[in-house]
C-alpha atoms as a PDB file:
ATOM      1  CA  UNK A   1     -53.358  82.971 110.770  1.00  0.00           C
ATOM      2  CA  UNK A   2     -55.386  83.606 107.634  1.00  0.00           C
ATOM      3  CA  UNK A   3     -54.424  86.564 105.456  1.00  0.00           C
ATOM      4  CA  UNK A   4     -57.165  88.500 103.692  1.00  0.00           C
ATOM      5  CA  UNK A   5     -56.723  90.422 100.446  1.00  0.00           C
ATOM      6  CA  UNK A   6     -59.199  92.648  98.630  1.00  0.00           C
ATOM      7  CA  UNK A   7     -58.644  93.494  94.955  1.00  0.00           C
ATOM      8  CA  UNK A   8     -60.631  96.398  93.537  1.00  0.00           C
ATOM      9  CA  UNK A   9     -60.565  96.214  89.737  1.00  0.00           C
ATOM     10  CA  UNK A  10     -60.884  99.163  87.405  1.00  0.00           C
ATOM     11  CA  UNK A  11     -58.745  98.545  84.299  1.00  0.00           C
ATOM     12  CA  UNK A  12     -59.503  94.827  84.067  1.00  0.00           C
ATOM     13  CA  UNK A  13     -62.688  92.870  84.552  1.00  0.00           C
ATOM     14  CA  UNK A  14     -63.079  90.704  87.642  1.00  0.00           C
ATOM     15  CA  UNK A  15     -62.740  87.497  85.605  1.00  0.00           C
ATOM     16  CA  UNK A  16     -59.494  88.726  84.009  1.00  0.00           C
ATOM     17  CA  UNK A  17     -58.061  89.577  87.419  1.00  0.00           C
ATOM     18  CA  UNK A  18     -59.135  86.194  88.769  1.00  0.00           C
ATOM     19  CA  UNK A  19     -57.425  84.463  85.835  1.00  0.00           C
ATOM     20  CA  UNK A  20     -54.111  86.211  86.515  1.00  0.00           C
ATOM     21  CA  UNK A  21     -54.207  85.555  90.270  1.00  0.00           C
ATOM     22  CA  UNK A  22     -55.165  81.884  89.906  1.00  0.00           C
ATOM     23  CA  UNK A  23     -52.432  81.456  87.298  1.00  0.00           C
ATOM     24  CA  UNK A  24     -49.858  82.975  89.688  1.00  0.00           C
ATOM     25  CA  UNK A  25     -50.958  80.602  92.458  1.00  0.00           C
ATOM     26  CA  UNK A  26     -50.635  77.671  90.054  1.00  0.00           C
ATOM     27  CA  UNK A  27     -47.119  78.793  89.045  1.00  0.00           C
ATOM     28  CA  UNK A  28     -46.197  78.671  92.763  1.00  0.00           C
ATOM     29  CA  UNK A  29     -47.649  75.138  93.011  1.00  0.00           C
ATOM     30  CA  UNK A  30     -50.441  76.357  95.297  1.00  0.00           C
ATOM     31  CA  UNK A  31     -53.863  74.783  94.958  1.00  0.00           C
ATOM     32  CA  UNK A  32     -56.853  77.132  94.834  1.00  0.00           C
ATOM     33  CA  UNK A  33     -60.569  77.055  95.462  1.00  0.00           C
ATOM     34  CA  UNK A  34     -62.779  79.605  93.708  1.00  0.00           C
ATOM     35  CA  UNK A  35     -66.164  80.089  95.363  1.00  0.00           C
ATOM     36  CA  UNK A  36     -69.143  81.520  93.460  1.00  0.00           C
ATOM     37  CA  UNK A  37     -72.610  82.644  94.441  1.00  0.00           C
ATOM     38  CA  UNK A  38     -74.130  81.381  91.188  1.00  0.00           C
ATOM     39  CA  UNK A  39     -73.677  78.300  89.010  1.00  0.00           C
ATOM     40  CA  UNK A  40     -73.802  80.540  85.923  1.00  0.00           C
ATOM     41  CA  UNK A  41     -70.692  82.428  87.001  1.00  0.00           C
ATOM     42  CA  UNK A  42     -68.986  79.133  87.842  1.00  0.00           C
ATOM     43  CA  UNK A  43     -69.694  77.813  84.342  1.00  0.00           C
ATOM     44  CA  UNK A  44     -68.513  81.050  82.700  1.00  0.00           C
ATOM     45  CA  UNK A  45     -65.213  80.988  84.591  1.00  0.00           C
ATOM     46  CA  UNK A  46     -64.742  77.285  83.871  1.00  0.00           C
ATOM     47  CA  UNK A  47     -65.045  77.986  80.145  1.00  0.00           C
ATOM     48  CA  UNK A  48     -62.646  80.928  80.434  1.00  0.00           C
ATOM     49  CA  UNK A  49     -60.020  78.827  82.261  1.00  0.00           C
ATOM     50  CA  UNK A  50     -60.105  76.274  79.447  1.00  0.00           C
ATOM     51  CA  UNK A  51     -60.138  78.714  76.541  1.00  0.00           C
ATOM     52  CA  UNK A  52     -58.653  82.125  77.441  1.00  0.00           C
ATOM     53  CA  UNK A  53     -55.228  81.157  76.112  1.00  0.00           C
ATOM     54  CA  UNK A  54     -55.595  78.394  73.522  1.00  0.00           C
ATOM     55  CA  UNK A  55     -51.915  77.464  73.817  1.00  0.00           C
ATOM     56  CA  UNK A  56     -52.210  76.855  77.569  1.00  0.00           C
ATOM     57  CA  UNK A  57     -55.284  76.230  79.680  1.00  0.00           C
ATOM     58  CA  UNK A  58     -55.543  76.311  83.470  1.00  0.00           C
ATOM     59  CA  UNK A  59     -56.378  72.786  84.692  1.00  0.00           C
ATOM     60  CA  UNK A  60     -59.350  72.748  87.015  1.00  0.00           C
ATOM     61  CA  UNK A  61     -62.376  70.825  88.135  1.00  0.00           C
ATOM     62  CA  UNK A  62     -65.826  71.908  89.199  1.00  0.00           C
ATOM     63  CA  UNK A  63     -67.995  70.779  92.091  1.00  0.00           C
ATOM     64  CA  UNK A  64     -69.182  67.207  91.823  1.00  0.00           C
ATOM     65  CA  UNK A  65     -66.311  66.249  89.474  1.00  0.00           C
ATOM     66  CA  UNK A  66     -64.565  63.024  90.388  1.00  0.00           C
ATOM     67  CA  UNK A  67     -61.233  64.778  89.817  1.00  0.00           C
ATOM     68  CA  UNK A  68     -61.664  67.460  92.485  1.00  0.00           C
ATOM     69  CA  UNK A  69     -59.069  65.962  94.864  1.00  0.00           C
ATOM     70  CA  UNK A  70     -56.369  65.937  92.181  1.00  0.00           C
ATOM     71  CA  UNK A  71     -57.132  69.279  90.575  1.00  0.00           C
ATOM     72  CA  UNK A  72     -54.980  72.330  91.416  1.00  0.00           C
ATOM     73  CA  UNK A  73     -57.960  74.656  90.846  1.00  0.00           C
ATOM     74  CA  UNK A  74     -61.422  73.789  92.123  1.00  0.00           C
ATOM     75  CA  UNK A  75     -64.562  75.811  91.278  1.00  0.00           C
ATOM     76  CA  UNK A  76     -67.583  75.562  93.566  1.00  0.00           C
ATOM     77  CA  UNK A  77     -70.704  77.275  94.898  1.00  0.00           C
ATOM     78  CA  UNK A  78     -70.153  75.712  98.338  1.00  0.00           C
ATOM     79  CA  UNK A  79     -67.461  76.433 100.866  1.00  0.00           C
ATOM     80  CA  UNK A  80     -65.403  73.258 100.611  1.00  0.00           C
ATOM     81  CA  UNK A  81     -61.777  72.305 100.155  1.00  0.00           C
ATOM     82  CA  UNK A  82     -61.444  68.894  98.452  1.00  0.00           C
ATOM     83  CA  UNK A  83     -58.078  69.705  96.839  1.00  0.00           C
ATOM     84  CA  UNK A  84     -56.530  70.841 100.131  1.00  0.00           C
ATOM     85  CA  UNK A  85     -55.906  74.323  98.807  1.00  0.00           C
ATOM     86  CA  UNK A  86     -54.235  77.123 100.725  1.00  0.00           C
ATOM     87  CA  UNK A  87     -56.028  79.909  98.855  1.00  0.00           C
ATOM     88  CA  UNK A  88     -59.696  80.655  98.307  1.00  0.00           C
ATOM     89  CA  UNK A  89     -60.806  83.265  95.771  1.00  0.00           C
ATOM     90  CA  UNK A  90     -64.186  84.981  95.847  1.00  0.00           C
ATOM     91  CA  UNK A  91     -64.864  86.874  92.597  1.00  0.00           C
ATOM     92  CA  UNK A  92     -68.591  87.394  93.262  1.00  0.00           C
ATOM     93  CA  UNK A  93     -68.470  88.679  96.815  1.00  0.00           C
ATOM     94  CA  UNK A  94     -69.356  85.418  98.567  1.00  0.00           C
ATOM     95  CA  UNK A  95     -68.100  85.765 102.134  1.00  0.00           C
ATOM     96  CA  UNK A  96     -65.910  82.908 103.332  1.00  0.00           C
ATOM     97  CA  UNK A  97     -67.345  81.737 106.636  1.00  0.00           C
ATOM     98  CA  UNK A  98     -64.618  79.254 107.614  1.00  0.00           C
ATOM     99  CA  UNK A  99     -61.614  81.376 106.713  1.00  0.00           C
ATOM    100  CA  UNK A 100     -59.301  79.429 109.044  1.00  0.00           C
ATOM    101  CA  UNK A 101     -59.387  76.583 106.487  1.00  0.00           C
ATOM    102  CA  UNK A 102     -57.177  78.656 104.171  1.00  0.00           C
ATOM    103  CA  UNK A 103     -53.940  80.590 104.392  1.00  0.00           C
ATOM    104  CA  UNK A 104     -55.324  83.353 102.152  1.00  0.00           C
ATOM    105  CA  UNK A 105     -58.832  84.548 101.360  1.00  0.00           C
ATOM    106  CA  UNK A 106     -58.887  86.784  98.294  1.00  0.00           C
ATOM    107  CA  UNK A 107     -61.893  88.899  97.354  1.00  0.00           C
ATOM    108  CA  UNK A 108     -62.060  90.465  93.892  1.00  0.00           C
ATOM    109  CA  UNK A 109     -64.674  93.060  92.962  1.00  0.00           C
ATOM    110  CA  UNK A 110     -65.382  95.686  90.332  1.00  0.00           C
ATOM    111  CA  UNK A 111     -64.987  99.299  91.430  1.00  0.00           C
ATOM    112  CA  UNK A 112     -68.398 100.093  89.886  1.00  0.00           C
ATOM    113  CA  UNK A 113     -70.232  97.328  91.773  1.00  0.00           C
ATOM    114  CA  UNK A 114     -71.543  99.283  94.747  1.00  0.00           C
ATOM    115  CA  UNK A 115     -73.433  96.392  96.347  1.00  0.00           C
ATOM    116  CA  UNK A 116     -70.320  94.165  96.411  1.00  0.00           C
ATOM    117  CA  UNK A 117     -68.211  97.052  97.648  1.00  0.00           C
ATOM    118  CA  UNK A 118     -70.647  97.849 100.472  1.00  0.00           C
ATOM    119  CA  UNK A 119     -70.857  94.209 101.573  1.00  0.00           C
ATOM    120  CA  UNK A 120     -67.082  93.745 101.452  1.00  0.00           C
ATOM    121  CA  UNK A 121     -66.454  97.051 103.204  1.00  0.00           C
ATOM    122  CA  UNK A 122     -68.631  95.939 106.106  1.00  0.00           C
ATOM    123  CA  UNK A 123     -66.748  92.628 106.190  1.00  0.00           C
ATOM    124  CA  UNK A 124     -63.420  94.462 106.027  1.00  0.00           C
ATOM    125  CA  UNK A 125     -64.271  96.430 109.181  1.00  0.00           C
ATOM    126  CA  UNK A 126     -65.229  93.225 111.000  1.00  0.00           C
ATOM    127  CA  UNK A 127     -61.868  91.720 110.046  1.00  0.00           C
ATOM    128  CA  UNK A 128     -60.017  94.878 111.009  1.00  0.00           C
ATOM    129  CA  UNK A 129     -61.697  94.945 114.427  1.00  0.00           C
ATOM    130  CA  UNK A 130     -60.668  91.305 114.891  1.00  0.00           C
ATOM    131  CA  UNK A 131     -57.033  92.289 114.197  1.00  0.00           C
ATOM    132  CA  UNK A 132     -56.802  90.096 111.090  1.00  0.00           C
ATOM    133  CA  UNK A 133     -54.017  90.606 108.551  1.00  0.00           C
ATOM    134  CA  UNK A 134     -55.544  92.500 105.612  1.00  0.00           C
ATOM    135  CA  UNK A 135     -54.115  93.789 102.336  1.00  0.00           C
ATOM    136  CA  UNK A 136     -55.993  96.081  99.967  1.00  0.00           C
ATOM    137  CA  UNK A 137     -55.037  96.382  96.303  1.00  0.00           C
ATOM    138  CA  UNK A 138     -56.347  98.843  93.758  1.00  0.00           C
ATOM    139  CA  UNK A 139     -55.545  99.220  90.070  1.00  0.00           C
ATOM    140  CA  UNK A 140     -53.776 102.395  89.047  1.00  0.00           C
ATOM    141  CA  UNK A 141     -52.713 102.697  85.408  1.00  0.00           C
ATOM    142  CA  UNK A 142     -52.712  98.919  85.023  1.00  0.00           C
ATOM    143  CA  UNK A 143     -50.625  98.225  88.129  1.00  0.00           C
ATOM    144  CA  UNK A 144     -51.733  96.888  91.493  1.00  0.00           C
ATOM    145  CA  UNK A 145     -50.871  99.157  94.394  1.00  0.00           C
ATOM    146  CA  UNK A 146     -51.592  98.791  98.077  1.00  0.00           C
ATOM    147  CA  UNK A 147     -54.171 101.386  99.015  1.00  0.00           C
ATOM    148  CA  UNK A 148     -56.670 101.643 101.838  1.00  0.00           C
ATOM    149  CA  UNK A 149     -59.701 102.354  99.648  1.00  0.00           C
ATOM    150  CA  UNK A 150     -62.060 101.091 102.365  1.00  0.00           C
ATOM    151  CA  UNK A 151     -61.692 104.275 104.406  1.00  0.00           C
END
């Protein structure tokens, strides 16, 4: 069964939260897919993964790379899983349609982004009605706490 997690950022930007979560998955030897709605956001995150910490980058490939099968992190604008990942991240609010292809679907959004929040809240209620396993995380004083902010 797929687990769903929603991360509502307030102290950190969405891209910073994504970086930390993808890094944690990598440390656990879990491959990840990151799905974007726009190619611009994909390119921005790709640059960040290479350059955020000059002493250590997060190895990744982007859609249409020949290395996508071997890469632990794969960035795309399409719902695909060439690196056989267990986790898919959605930092722009793209809804994962084939969630059964992953063990975890993780949505990250900014607390000030009302359109993303409204879309994800509607999706949350669909998942809840389907009896899916859902976790909600919200930042409080720099820490992530479980909190049902969708209600």
